[in-house]
Amino acid sequence: KYLSTMEDITNFTIDPACLGEPPLAMDVIKDLDVFGICLYSMLTFMACITLLLYLEQCVYVYKKLPYPKKTTIIWISGAAPVIATMACLGMWIPRAVMFTDMTSNSYFAVVVYKVIVLMIEELGGTHAFLNRFSSKPFKISTGPCCCCCLCLPWVPMSRRMLFILKLGALQYAILKTALSILSVVLWTNGNFDLADLSITCATIWINPFIGVLLVFSLWPVGVIFMNTKNYLRSVKLIPKYAFYQIILVLSQLQTAIINILALNGSIACSPPFSSQARGSMLSQQIMIMEMFLIGLFTRNLYRRTYEEISNEAPEEKGNMQTSLPEHDV
C-alpha cells in the first residue's frame, strides 16, 4: 500500500496552465461552453447597460445643473459604470487585469476626493461653507482613523481646517494614481507580482502603503459628513454616502479577500486559468453584477434637480417652530 501511494504521488502531474500566465482573450473564447457563453454575454450586457444609463445621466445632469456641481456629480456617479466597464474588459482579456484594475482604482481615488467636494458644493461652495460653519466646533473622532478616540476635542472650523481636510482626501487621489503607474512600470520589468510577497518584491511595500493612504483619506470625508449630514438630508446625502462606502468595500476589500484566497490556493485552478487568474476572473464577474445594481440605485439619487439648502439643520428648524407659539403667548 505504501509503495502504491508513492507511485500515485510520483505519477501526479499539474496542468501547465495552473502555473502559467493568464490566458489570452482568444483562448478564453475558445474554451467557453454554452453556459460560459451565456454567462459572459449576460455580464457584458449588464456592463453595457450600466454604461449607457450613465451616459444618459451625464447628458441630463450637464443640461440641468450649474457648474461646478454638475462635473462633481458626473464624476462621483461614474464610479459604478467605470468599475463595471473595466471589470468587463478584464473578464474578456485576463492579461489586461493589471491595467483595468489600475484604471478603476485610480478613478475611485479621485471619487474619494470628489465626495468631500460635493458636500461642500451642496452647501453653496467654499465661501458659503465657511460663512455657515466658521468657528463652529466640528467633531473629528470619526472613522476610520479616530473612531475609537472619543476623547479628542471638537475643533472649530476655519479656512485652514477646511484646507487640511481637503488635502487629506486629495493626497490619496494623487499618490494612488502615481503608485499605480509605478506598479505597472515595475510589473513590466518583473519587479511587481501580487503572488510574490517576499521582502525584495515591490508588492509588499507598495500595497500596504496604499492602504495607509486610503485610511487617511477616508477620515476627512467622514469628518465633513458627520458634521453636515443634517443640513443635507434634502439632497439625500446619507444614501449617497452609503453607496459610496459600499463601492469602496466592494472594489477594495472584496477584491483583496478574493486575491488572498487565490494566492493561498483556496480557489482551485481551472485550465486555462491558474488559481490566481481564476480568482481575478471571479472577482471581475462578481464586480460587474454588483456595480450594475449599484448603478441603478445611484441613478435615482443623482439624476434629479436640486433645491437651495436651508441655513438651519432640520432639528434646529423643528426647535424654532415649536418655540414660536410659546414666545407669542
C-alpha atoms as a PDB file:
ATOM      1  CA  LYS A   1       0.000   0.000   0.000  1.00  0.00           C
ATOM      2  CA  TYR A   2       2.834   2.358   0.847  1.00  0.00           C
ATOM      3  CA  LEU A   3       4.553   1.687  -2.495  1.00  0.00           C
ATOM      4  CA  SER A   4       1.328   2.216  -4.428  1.00  0.00           C
ATOM      5  CA  THR A   5       0.737   5.504  -2.624  1.00  0.00           C
ATOM      6  CA  MET A   6       4.241   6.678  -3.508  1.00  0.00           C
ATOM      7  CA  GLU A   7       3.660   5.706  -7.132  1.00  0.00           C
ATOM      8  CA  ASP A   8       0.409   7.717  -7.209  1.00  0.00           C
ATOM      9  CA  ILE A   9       2.217  10.762  -5.827  1.00  0.00           C
ATOM     10  CA  THR A  10       5.036  10.330  -8.330  1.00  0.00           C
ATOM     11  CA  ASN A  11       2.604   9.983 -11.243  1.00  0.00           C
ATOM     12  CA  PHE A  12       0.611  13.038 -10.156  1.00  0.00           C
ATOM     13  CA  THR A  13       1.069  15.888 -12.639  1.00  0.00           C
ATOM     14  CA  ILE A  14      -0.011  19.516 -12.598  1.00  0.00           C
ATOM     15  CA  ASP A  15      -1.542  21.078 -15.672  1.00  0.00           C
ATOM     16  CA  PRO A  16       0.943  23.643 -17.082  1.00  0.00           C
ATOM     17  CA  ALA A  17      -1.878  26.191 -17.285  1.00  0.00           C
ATOM     18  CA  CYS A  18      -2.105  26.166 -13.475  1.00  0.00           C
ATOM     19  CA  LEU A  19       1.434  27.500 -13.253  1.00  0.00           C
ATOM     20  CA  GLY A  20       1.481  29.818 -16.252  1.00  0.00           C
ATOM     21  CA  GLU A  21       0.290  33.313 -17.061  1.00  0.00           C
ATOM     22  CA  PRO A  22      -3.380  34.222 -17.535  1.00  0.00           C
ATOM     23  CA  PRO A  23      -4.736  33.017 -20.892  1.00  0.00           C
ATOM     24  CA  LEU A  24      -5.086  35.159 -23.980  1.00  0.00           C
ATOM     25  CA  ALA A  25      -8.507  36.528 -24.892  1.00  0.00           C
ATOM     26  CA  MET A  26      -8.824  34.136 -27.832  1.00  0.00           C
ATOM     27  CA  ASP A  27      -8.038  31.169 -25.589  1.00  0.00           C
ATOM     28  CA  VAL A  28     -10.795  32.254 -23.218  1.00  0.00           C
ATOM     29  CA  ILE A  29     -13.309  32.491 -26.082  1.00  0.00           C
ATOM     30  CA  LYS A  30     -12.338  29.082 -27.483  1.00  0.00           C
ATOM     31  CA  ASP A  31     -12.692  27.438 -24.068  1.00  0.00           C
ATOM     32  CA  LEU A  32     -16.229  28.746 -23.435  1.00  0.00           C
ATOM     33  CA  ASP A  33     -19.051  26.202 -23.358  1.00  0.00           C
ATOM     34  CA  VAL A  34     -22.763  27.008 -23.677  1.00  0.00           C
ATOM     35  CA  PHE A  35     -23.040  28.091 -20.035  1.00  0.00           C
ATOM     36  CA  GLY A  36     -19.865  30.194 -20.334  1.00  0.00           C
ATOM     37  CA  ILE A  37     -21.154  31.928 -23.471  1.00  0.00           C
ATOM     38  CA  CYS A  38     -24.453  32.754 -21.751  1.00  0.00           C
ATOM     39  CA  LEU A  39     -22.685  33.969 -18.608  1.00  0.00           C
ATOM     40  CA  TYR A  40     -20.171  36.161 -20.446  1.00  0.00           C
ATOM     41  CA  SER A  41     -22.912  37.552 -22.714  1.00  0.00           C
ATOM     42  CA  MET A  42     -25.171  38.401 -19.759  1.00  0.00           C
ATOM     43  CA  LEU A  43     -22.360  40.089 -17.815  1.00  0.00           C
ATOM     44  CA  THR A  44     -21.271  42.062 -20.883  1.00  0.00           C
ATOM     45  CA  PHE A  45     -24.875  43.161 -21.433  1.00  0.00           C
ATOM     46  CA  MET A  46     -25.110  44.307 -17.794  1.00  0.00           C
ATOM     47  CA  ALA A  47     -21.878  46.300 -18.095  1.00  0.00           C
ATOM     48  CA  CYS A  48     -23.085  47.938 -21.330  1.00  0.00           C
ATOM     49  CA  ILE A  49     -26.468  48.851 -19.798  1.00  0.00           C
ATOM     50  CA  THR A  50     -24.702  50.364 -16.778  1.00  0.00           C
ATOM     51  CA  LEU A  51     -22.502  52.462 -19.046  1.00  0.00           C
ATOM     52  CA  LEU A  52     -25.349  53.575 -21.339  1.00  0.00           C
ATOM     53  CA  LEU A  53     -27.549  54.621 -18.410  1.00  0.00           C
ATOM     54  CA  TYR A  54     -24.636  56.600 -17.007  1.00  0.00           C
ATOM     55  CA  LEU A  55     -24.034  58.388 -20.311  1.00  0.00           C
ATOM     56  CA  GLU A  56     -27.723  59.363 -20.474  1.00  0.00           C
ATOM     57  CA  GLN A  57     -27.495  60.610 -16.898  1.00  0.00           C
ATOM     58  CA  CYS A  58     -24.431  62.689 -17.796  1.00  0.00           C
ATOM     59  CA  VAL A  59     -26.386  64.441 -20.544  1.00  0.00           C
ATOM     60  CA  TYR A  60     -29.263  65.167 -18.150  1.00  0.00           C
ATOM     61  CA  VAL A  61     -27.019  66.464 -15.354  1.00  0.00           C
ATOM     62  CA  TYR A  62     -24.957  68.559 -17.778  1.00  0.00           C
ATOM     63  CA  LYS A  63     -28.100  70.308 -19.063  1.00  0.00           C
ATOM     64  CA  LYS A  64     -29.958  70.730 -15.765  1.00  0.00           C
ATOM     65  CA  LEU A  65     -27.309  71.579 -13.165  1.00  0.00           C
ATOM     66  CA  PRO A  66     -24.910  74.526 -12.872  1.00  0.00           C
ATOM     67  CA  TYR A  67     -21.148  74.381 -12.954  1.00  0.00           C
ATOM     68  CA  PRO A  68     -19.141  73.180 -10.984  1.00  0.00           C
ATOM     69  CA  LYS A  69     -21.700  70.945  -9.228  1.00  0.00           C
ATOM     70  CA  LYS A  70     -22.523  69.080 -12.428  1.00  0.00           C
ATOM     71  CA  THR A  71     -18.925  67.989 -13.062  1.00  0.00           C
ATOM     72  CA  THR A  72     -18.602  66.721  -9.488  1.00  0.00           C
ATOM     73  CA  ILE A  73     -21.851  64.733  -9.713  1.00  0.00           C
ATOM     74  CA  ILE A  74     -20.873  63.296 -13.100  1.00  0.00           C
ATOM     75  CA  TRP A  75     -17.544  62.163 -11.668  1.00  0.00           C
ATOM     76  CA  ILE A  76     -18.987  60.578  -8.496  1.00  0.00           C
ATOM     77  CA  SER A  77     -21.898  58.831 -10.200  1.00  0.00           C
ATOM     78  CA  GLY A  78     -19.442  57.366 -12.710  1.00  0.00           C
ATOM     79  CA  ALA A  79     -17.746  55.150 -10.112  1.00  0.00           C
ATOM     80  CA  ALA A  80     -20.006  52.127 -10.667  1.00  0.00           C
ATOM     81  CA  PRO A  81     -20.078  52.355 -14.516  1.00  0.00           C
ATOM     82  CA  VAL A  82     -16.307  52.800 -14.787  1.00  0.00           C
ATOM     83  CA  ILE A  83     -15.594  49.877 -12.433  1.00  0.00           C
ATOM     84  CA  ALA A  84     -18.135  47.695 -14.275  1.00  0.00           C
ATOM     85  CA  THR A  85     -16.644  48.578 -17.668  1.00  0.00           C
ATOM     86  CA  MET A  86     -13.092  47.889 -16.533  1.00  0.00           C
ATOM     87  CA  ALA A  87     -14.198  44.614 -14.921  1.00  0.00           C
ATOM     88  CA  CYS A  88     -15.824  43.573 -18.199  1.00  0.00           C
ATOM     89  CA  LEU A  89     -12.612  44.287 -20.113  1.00  0.00           C
ATOM     90  CA  GLY A  90     -10.626  42.368 -17.506  1.00  0.00           C
ATOM     91  CA  MET A  91     -13.035  39.436 -17.769  1.00  0.00           C
ATOM     92  CA  TRP A  92     -12.592  39.146 -21.544  1.00  0.00           C
ATOM     93  CA  ILE A  93      -8.860  39.969 -21.558  1.00  0.00           C
ATOM     94  CA  PRO A  94      -7.355  38.367 -18.405  1.00  0.00           C
ATOM     95  CA  ARG A  95      -3.831  39.590 -19.135  1.00  0.00           C
ATOM     96  CA  ALA A  96      -5.057  43.206 -19.022  1.00  0.00           C
ATOM     97  CA  VAL A  97      -6.336  42.944 -15.424  1.00  0.00           C
ATOM     98  CA  MET A  98      -3.329  44.875 -14.129  1.00  0.00           C
ATOM     99  CA  PHE A  99      -4.270  47.841 -16.332  1.00  0.00           C
ATOM    100  CA  THR A 100      -8.041  47.638 -15.785  1.00  0.00           C
ATOM    101  CA  ASP A 101      -7.608  47.457 -12.006  1.00  0.00           C
ATOM    102  CA  MET A 102      -5.210  50.411 -12.122  1.00  0.00           C
ATOM    103  CA  THR A 103      -7.741  52.454 -14.093  1.00  0.00           C
ATOM    104  CA  SER A 104     -10.725  51.697 -11.853  1.00  0.00           C
ATOM    105  CA  ASN A 105      -8.741  52.162  -8.622  1.00  0.00           C
ATOM    106  CA  SER A 106      -7.258  55.451  -9.795  1.00  0.00           C
ATOM    107  CA  TYR A 107     -10.703  56.673 -10.826  1.00  0.00           C
ATOM    108  CA  PHE A 108     -12.183  55.777  -7.445  1.00  0.00           C
ATOM    109  CA  ALA A 109      -9.285  57.507  -5.688  1.00  0.00           C
ATOM    110  CA  VAL A 110     -10.454  60.734  -7.311  1.00  0.00           C
ATOM    111  CA  VAL A 111     -14.050  59.918  -6.321  1.00  0.00           C
ATOM    112  CA  VAL A 112     -12.972  59.884  -2.651  1.00  0.00           C
ATOM    113  CA  TYR A 113     -11.834  63.485  -3.051  1.00  0.00           C
ATOM    114  CA  LYS A 114     -14.886  64.452  -5.118  1.00  0.00           C
ATOM    115  CA  VAL A 115     -17.231  63.272  -2.346  1.00  0.00           C
ATOM    116  CA  ILE A 116     -15.858  65.886   0.039  1.00  0.00           C
ATOM    117  CA  VAL A 117     -16.053  68.485  -2.756  1.00  0.00           C
ATOM    118  CA  LEU A 118     -19.697  67.561  -3.411  1.00  0.00           C
ATOM    119  CA  MET A 119     -20.690  68.054   0.233  1.00  0.00           C
ATOM    120  CA  ILE A 120     -19.090  71.500   0.232  1.00  0.00           C
ATOM    121  CA  GLU A 121     -20.710  72.452  -3.092  1.00  0.00           C
ATOM    122  CA  GLU A 122     -24.129  71.290  -1.887  1.00  0.00           C
ATOM    123  CA  LEU A 123     -23.783  73.882   0.889  1.00  0.00           C
ATOM    124  CA  GLY A 124     -23.027  76.642  -1.614  1.00  0.00           C
ATOM    125  CA  GLY A 125     -19.281  76.294  -2.179  1.00  0.00           C
ATOM    126  CA  THR A 126     -16.231  77.028  -0.066  1.00  0.00           C
ATOM    127  CA  HIS A 127     -17.167  80.628   0.718  1.00  0.00           C
ATOM    128  CA  ALA A 128     -20.727  79.775   1.784  1.00  0.00           C
ATOM    129  CA  PHE A 129     -19.468  76.743   3.731  1.00  0.00           C
ATOM    130  CA  LEU A 130     -17.067  78.894   5.739  1.00  0.00           C
ATOM    131  CA  ASN A 131     -19.716  81.558   6.334  1.00  0.00           C
ATOM    132  CA  ARG A 132     -22.047  78.905   7.696  1.00  0.00           C
ATOM    133  CA  PHE A 133     -19.609  76.878   9.822  1.00  0.00           C
ATOM    134  CA  SER A 134     -16.739  79.257  10.609  1.00  0.00           C
ATOM    135  CA  SER A 135     -15.752  78.973  14.298  1.00  0.00           C
ATOM    136  CA  LYS A 136     -18.360  76.242  14.858  1.00  0.00           C
ATOM    137  CA  PRO A 137     -16.932  73.140  16.597  1.00  0.00           C
ATOM    138  CA  PHE A 138     -16.532  70.043  14.392  1.00  0.00           C
ATOM    139  CA  LYS A 139     -16.381  66.513  15.758  1.00  0.00           C
ATOM    140  CA  ILE A 140     -13.202  64.825  14.479  1.00  0.00           C
ATOM    141  CA  SER A 141     -13.454  61.477  16.324  1.00  0.00           C
ATOM    142  CA  THR A 142     -14.803  59.680  13.266  1.00  0.00           C
ATOM    143  CA  GLY A 143     -13.717  56.576  11.392  1.00  0.00           C
ATOM    144  CA  PRO A 144     -11.613  55.002  10.225  1.00  0.00           C
ATOM    145  CA  CYS A 145      -8.717  56.766  11.974  1.00  0.00           C
ATOM    146  CA  CYS A 146     -10.178  58.300  15.125  1.00  0.00           C
ATOM    147  CA  CYS A 147     -13.459  56.449  15.771  1.00  0.00           C
ATOM    148  CA  CYS A 148     -12.040  54.978  18.998  1.00  0.00           C
ATOM    149  CA  CYS A 149     -10.552  58.282  20.208  1.00  0.00           C
ATOM    150  CA  LEU A 150     -13.735  59.716  21.758  1.00  0.00           C
ATOM    151  CA  CYS A 151     -11.653  61.971  23.993  1.00  0.00           C
ATOM    152  CA  LEU A 152     -10.487  64.073  21.045  1.00  0.00           C
ATOM    153  CA  PRO A 153     -11.636  67.701  21.380  1.00  0.00           C
ATOM    154  CA  TRP A 154     -14.040  69.317  18.934  1.00  0.00           C
ATOM    155  CA  VAL A 155     -12.103  71.552  16.544  1.00  0.00           C
ATOM    156  CA  PRO A 156     -13.511  74.886  15.331  1.00  0.00           C
ATOM    157  CA  MET A 157     -13.938  75.068  11.571  1.00  0.00           C
ATOM    158  CA  SER A 158     -11.742  77.564   9.753  1.00  0.00           C
ATOM    159  CA  ARG A 159     -10.299  78.094   6.300  1.00  0.00           C
ATOM    160  CA  ARG A 160      -7.094  76.347   7.379  1.00  0.00           C
ATOM    161  CA  MET A 161      -9.016  73.386   8.838  1.00  0.00           C
ATOM    162  CA  LEU A 162     -11.037  73.015   5.649  1.00  0.00           C
ATOM    163  CA  PHE A 163      -7.848  73.128   3.576  1.00  0.00           C
ATOM    164  CA  ILE A 164      -6.300  70.345   5.702  1.00  0.00           C
ATOM    165  CA  LEU A 165      -9.397  68.160   5.298  1.00  0.00           C
ATOM    166  CA  LYS A 166      -9.489  68.646   1.526  1.00  0.00           C
ATOM    167  CA  LEU A 167      -5.743  67.997   1.301  1.00  0.00           C
ATOM    168  CA  GLY A 168      -6.157  64.780   3.287  1.00  0.00           C
ATOM    169  CA  ALA A 169      -8.592  63.465   0.666  1.00  0.00           C
ATOM    170  CA  LEU A 170      -6.643  64.839  -2.307  1.00  0.00           C
ATOM    171  CA  GLN A 171      -3.367  63.160  -1.320  1.00  0.00           C
ATOM    172  CA  TYR A 172      -4.875  59.715  -1.983  1.00  0.00           C
ATOM    173  CA  ALA A 173      -6.103  60.714  -5.445  1.00  0.00           C
ATOM    174  CA  ILE A 174      -2.622  61.922  -6.421  1.00  0.00           C
ATOM    175  CA  LEU A 175      -0.440  59.304  -4.728  1.00  0.00           C
ATOM    176  CA  LYS A 176      -2.689  56.353  -5.615  1.00  0.00           C
ATOM    177  CA  THR A 177      -2.528  57.246  -9.308  1.00  0.00           C
ATOM    178  CA  ALA A 178       1.238  57.788  -9.171  1.00  0.00           C
ATOM    179  CA  LEU A 179       1.838  54.499  -7.324  1.00  0.00           C
ATOM    180  CA  SER A 180      -0.461  52.624  -9.728  1.00  0.00           C
ATOM    181  CA  ILE A 181       1.568  53.856 -12.681  1.00  0.00           C
ATOM    182  CA  LEU A 182       4.766  52.908 -10.843  1.00  0.00           C
ATOM    183  CA  SER A 183       3.339  49.442 -10.154  1.00  0.00           C
ATOM    184  CA  VAL A 184       2.588  48.890 -13.845  1.00  0.00           C
ATOM    185  CA  VAL A 185       6.105  50.007 -14.794  1.00  0.00           C
ATOM    186  CA  LEU A 186       7.615  47.645 -12.221  1.00  0.00           C
ATOM    187  CA  TRP A 187       5.278  44.861 -13.333  1.00  0.00           C
ATOM    188  CA  THR A 188       6.519  45.108 -16.930  1.00  0.00           C
ATOM    189  CA  ASN A 189      10.057  44.749 -15.575  1.00  0.00           C
ATOM    190  CA  GLY A 190       9.158  41.756 -13.380  1.00  0.00           C
ATOM    191  CA  ASN A 191       9.549  43.600 -10.065  1.00  0.00           C
ATOM    192  CA  PHE A 192       5.857  43.739  -9.142  1.00  0.00           C
ATOM    193  CA  ASP A 193       3.964  40.467  -8.699  1.00  0.00           C
ATOM    194  CA  LEU A 194       0.908  40.016  -6.466  1.00  0.00           C
ATOM    195  CA  ALA A 195       1.900  36.389  -5.908  1.00  0.00           C
ATOM    196  CA  ASP A 196       5.379  37.331  -4.668  1.00  0.00           C
ATOM    197  CA  LEU A 197       5.252  38.572  -1.078  1.00  0.00           C
ATOM    198  CA  SER A 198       8.985  38.407  -0.416  1.00  0.00           C
ATOM    199  CA  ILE A 199      10.762  41.329   1.206  1.00  0.00           C
ATOM    200  CA  THR A 200      12.656  42.077  -2.015  1.00  0.00           C
ATOM    201  CA  CYS A 201       9.476  42.445  -4.112  1.00  0.00           C
ATOM    202  CA  ALA A 202       7.901  45.880  -4.530  1.00  0.00           C
ATOM    203  CA  THR A 203       4.421  44.453  -3.863  1.00  0.00           C
ATOM    204  CA  ILE A 204       4.985  44.066  -0.125  1.00  0.00           C
ATOM    205  CA  TRP A 205       5.968  47.741   0.106  1.00  0.00           C
ATOM    206  CA  ILE A 206       3.586  49.485  -2.283  1.00  0.00           C
ATOM    207  CA  ASN A 207       0.252  47.828  -1.419  1.00  0.00           C
ATOM    208  CA  PRO A 208       0.379  48.362   2.385  1.00  0.00           C
ATOM    209  CA  PHE A 209       1.436  51.974   1.814  1.00  0.00           C
ATOM    210  CA  ILE A 210      -1.570  52.491  -0.491  1.00  0.00           C
ATOM    211  CA  GLY A 211      -3.784  51.011   2.231  1.00  0.00           C
ATOM    212  CA  VAL A 212      -2.477  53.542   4.766  1.00  0.00           C
ATOM    213  CA  LEU A 213      -3.088  56.388   2.308  1.00  0.00           C
ATOM    214  CA  LEU A 214      -6.665  55.168   1.820  1.00  0.00           C
ATOM    215  CA  VAL A 215      -7.365  55.120   5.555  1.00  0.00           C
ATOM    216  CA  PHE A 216      -6.070  58.668   5.988  1.00  0.00           C
ATOM    217  CA  SER A 217      -8.119  59.898   3.016  1.00  0.00           C
ATOM    218  CA  LEU A 218     -11.370  58.454   4.374  1.00  0.00           C
ATOM    219  CA  TRP A 219     -11.050  60.300   7.674  1.00  0.00           C
ATOM    220  CA  PRO A 220     -11.582  63.892   6.363  1.00  0.00           C
ATOM    221  CA  VAL A 221     -14.530  62.714   4.264  1.00  0.00           C
ATOM    222  CA  GLY A 222     -16.056  61.195   7.397  1.00  0.00           C
ATOM    223  CA  VAL A 223     -15.458  64.398   9.377  1.00  0.00           C
ATOM    224  CA  ILE A 224     -17.301  66.568   6.836  1.00  0.00           C
ATOM    225  CA  PHE A 225     -20.120  64.042   6.508  1.00  0.00           C
ATOM    226  CA  MET A 226     -20.725  63.616  10.250  1.00  0.00           C
ATOM    227  CA  ASN A 227     -20.937  67.372  10.793  1.00  0.00           C
ATOM    228  CA  THR A 228     -23.023  68.347   7.759  1.00  0.00           C
ATOM    229  CA  LYS A 229     -25.375  65.400   7.164  1.00  0.00           C
ATOM    230  CA  ASN A 230     -28.275  67.056   8.996  1.00  0.00           C
ATOM    231  CA  TYR A 231     -28.092  70.048   6.648  1.00  0.00           C
ATOM    232  CA  LEU A 232     -28.068  67.885   3.504  1.00  0.00           C
ATOM    233  CA  ARG A 233     -30.941  65.490   4.108  1.00  0.00           C
ATOM    234  CA  SER A 234     -32.972  67.194   1.374  1.00  0.00           C
ATOM    235  CA  VAL A 235     -30.399  66.167  -1.258  1.00  0.00           C
ATOM    236  CA  LYS A 236     -30.287  62.567   0.076  1.00  0.00           C
ATOM    237  CA  LEU A 237     -26.697  62.806   1.278  1.00  0.00           C
ATOM    238  CA  ILE A 238     -26.946  59.793   3.615  1.00  0.00           C
ATOM    239  CA  PRO A 239     -27.896  57.227   0.928  1.00  0.00           C
ATOM    240  CA  LYS A 240     -25.322  58.766  -1.429  1.00  0.00           C
ATOM    241  CA  TYR A 241     -22.645  58.388   1.227  1.00  0.00           C
ATOM    242  CA  ALA A 242     -23.821  54.837   1.972  1.00  0.00           C
ATOM    243  CA  PHE A 243     -23.471  53.766  -1.675  1.00  0.00           C
ATOM    244  CA  TYR A 244     -20.047  55.432  -1.831  1.00  0.00           C
ATOM    245  CA  GLN A 245     -18.996  53.320   1.168  1.00  0.00           C
ATOM    246  CA  ILE A 246     -20.452  50.169  -0.417  1.00  0.00           C
ATOM    247  CA  ILE A 247     -18.472  50.743  -3.623  1.00  0.00           C
ATOM    248  CA  LEU A 248     -15.369  51.303  -1.505  1.00  0.00           C
ATOM    249  CA  VAL A 249     -15.798  47.991   0.334  1.00  0.00           C
ATOM    250  CA  LEU A 250     -16.639  46.000  -2.804  1.00  0.00           C
ATOM    251  CA  SER A 251     -13.895  47.432  -5.013  1.00  0.00           C
ATOM    252  CA  GLN A 252     -11.128  47.354  -2.402  1.00  0.00           C
ATOM    253  CA  LEU A 253     -11.834  44.899   0.419  1.00  0.00           C
ATOM    254  CA  GLN A 254     -13.733  42.267  -1.542  1.00  0.00           C
ATOM    255  CA  THR A 255     -11.129  42.180  -4.307  1.00  0.00           C
ATOM    256  CA  ALA A 256      -8.316  41.905  -1.751  1.00  0.00           C
ATOM    257  CA  ILE A 257     -10.031  38.966   0.002  1.00  0.00           C
ATOM    258  CA  ILE A 258     -10.548  37.072  -3.273  1.00  0.00           C
ATOM    259  CA  ASN A 259      -6.907  37.665  -4.272  1.00  0.00           C
ATOM    260  CA  ILE A 260      -5.694  36.368  -0.896  1.00  0.00           C
ATOM    261  CA  LEU A 261      -7.844  33.241  -1.248  1.00  0.00           C
ATOM    262  CA  ALA A 262      -6.439  32.685  -4.751  1.00  0.00           C
ATOM    263  CA  LEU A 263      -2.860  33.082  -3.526  1.00  0.00           C
ATOM    264  CA  ASN A 264      -3.491  30.552  -0.751  1.00  0.00           C
ATOM    265  CA  GLY A 265      -4.848  28.035  -3.242  1.00  0.00           C
ATOM    266  CA  SER A 266      -8.368  28.138  -1.797  1.00  0.00           C
ATOM    267  CA  ILE A 267      -9.669  28.889  -5.306  1.00  0.00           C
ATOM    268  CA  ALA A 268      -8.919  25.849  -7.431  1.00  0.00           C
ATOM    269  CA  CYS A 269      -7.093  26.024 -10.738  1.00  0.00           C
ATOM    270  CA  SER A 270      -9.315  25.505 -13.785  1.00  0.00           C
ATOM    271  CA  PRO A 271      -7.374  25.408 -17.081  1.00  0.00           C
ATOM    272  CA  PRO A 272      -6.770  27.625 -18.939  1.00  0.00           C
ATOM    273  CA  PHE A 273      -6.969  29.710 -15.736  1.00  0.00           C
ATOM    274  CA  SER A 274      -4.442  29.367 -12.953  1.00  0.00           C
ATOM    275  CA  SER A 275      -5.645  29.728  -9.367  1.00  0.00           C
ATOM    276  CA  GLN A 276      -4.719  33.416  -9.287  1.00  0.00           C
ATOM    277  CA  ALA A 277      -6.169  34.123 -12.743  1.00  0.00           C
ATOM    278  CA  ARG A 278      -9.400  32.322 -11.850  1.00  0.00           C
ATOM    279  CA  GLY A 279      -9.698  34.311  -8.636  1.00  0.00           C
ATOM    280  CA  SER A 280      -9.255  37.504 -10.648  1.00  0.00           C
ATOM    281  CA  MET A 281     -11.865  36.335 -13.170  1.00  0.00           C
ATOM    282  CA  LEU A 282     -14.385  35.583 -10.400  1.00  0.00           C
ATOM    283  CA  SER A 283     -13.707  38.984  -8.869  1.00  0.00           C
ATOM    284  CA  GLN A 284     -14.400  40.719 -12.198  1.00  0.00           C
ATOM    285  CA  GLN A 285     -17.635  38.797 -12.761  1.00  0.00           C
ATOM    286  CA  ILE A 286     -18.960  39.484  -9.260  1.00  0.00           C
ATOM    287  CA  MET A 287     -17.978  43.138  -9.587  1.00  0.00           C
ATOM    288  CA  ILE A 288     -19.988  43.564 -12.802  1.00  0.00           C
ATOM    289  CA  MET A 289     -23.186  42.289 -11.168  1.00  0.00           C
ATOM    290  CA  GLU A 290     -22.676  44.405  -8.055  1.00  0.00           C
ATOM    291  CA  MET A 291     -21.893  47.596  -9.968  1.00  0.00           C
ATOM    292  CA  PHE A 292     -24.911  47.009 -12.228  1.00  0.00           C
ATOM    293  CA  LEU A 293     -27.232  47.025  -9.211  1.00  0.00           C
ATOM    294  CA  ILE A 294     -25.464  49.965  -7.564  1.00  0.00           C
ATOM    295  CA  GLY A 295     -25.598  51.913 -10.829  1.00  0.00           C
ATOM    296  CA  LEU A 296     -29.393  51.520 -10.947  1.00  0.00           C
ATOM    297  CA  PHE A 297     -29.803  52.782  -7.379  1.00  0.00           C
ATOM    298  CA  THR A 298     -27.363  55.701  -7.655  1.00  0.00           C
ATOM    299  CA  ARG A 299     -29.025  56.815 -10.890  1.00  0.00           C
ATOM    300  CA  ASN A 300     -32.173  57.641  -8.885  1.00  0.00           C
ATOM    301  CA  LEU A 301     -30.091  59.615  -6.380  1.00  0.00           C
ATOM    302  CA  TYR A 302     -28.114  61.785  -8.802  1.00  0.00           C
ATOM    303  CA  ARG A 303     -30.430  62.163 -11.810  1.00  0.00           C
ATOM    304  CA  ARG A 304     -32.535  64.943 -10.328  1.00  0.00           C
ATOM    305  CA  THR A 305     -32.687  68.695  -9.864  1.00  0.00           C
ATOM    306  CA  TYR A 306     -31.569  70.301  -6.612  1.00  0.00           C
ATOM    307  CA  GLU A 307     -33.131  72.962  -4.440  1.00  0.00           C
ATOM    308  CA  GLU A 308     -31.279  75.504  -2.356  1.00  0.00           C
ATOM    309  CA  ILE A 309     -30.144  74.208   1.040  1.00  0.00           C
ATOM    310  CA  SER A 310     -31.663  75.805   4.133  1.00  0.00           C
ATOM    311  CA  ASN A 311     -29.388  77.624   6.574  1.00  0.00           C
ATOM    312  CA  GLU A 312     -30.628  75.583   9.538  1.00  0.00           C
ATOM    313  CA  ALA A 313     -30.449  71.873  10.142  1.00  0.00           C
ATOM    314  CA  PRO A 314     -33.835  70.091  10.323  1.00  0.00           C
ATOM    315  CA  GLU A 315     -33.504  69.732  14.109  1.00  0.00           C
ATOM    316  CA  GLU A 316     -32.870  73.456  14.502  1.00  0.00           C
ATOM    317  CA  LYS A 317     -35.845  74.351  12.318  1.00  0.00           C
ATOM    318  CA  GLY A 318     -38.067  71.980  14.315  1.00  0.00           C
ATOM    319  CA  ASN A 319     -36.988  73.539  17.602  1.00  0.00           C
ATOM    320  CA  MET A 320     -37.656  77.049  16.269  1.00  0.00           C
ATOM    321  CA  GLN A 321     -41.154  76.100  15.061  1.00  0.00           C
ATOM    322  CA  THR A 322     -42.143  74.533  18.383  1.00  0.00           C
ATOM    323  CA  SER A 323     -40.835  77.504  20.355  1.00  0.00           C
ATOM    324  CA  LEU A 324     -42.660  80.202  18.340  1.00  0.00           C
ATOM    325  CA  PRO A 325     -46.142  79.700  19.862  1.00  0.00           C
ATOM    326  CA  GLU A 326     -44.718  79.826  23.372  1.00  0.00           C
ATOM    327  CA  HIS A 327     -42.953  83.061  22.531  1.00  0.00           C
ATOM    328  CA  ASP A 328     -46.183  84.630  21.240  1.00  0.00           C
ATOM    329  CA  VAL A 329     -48.027  83.680  24.392  1.00  0.00           C
END
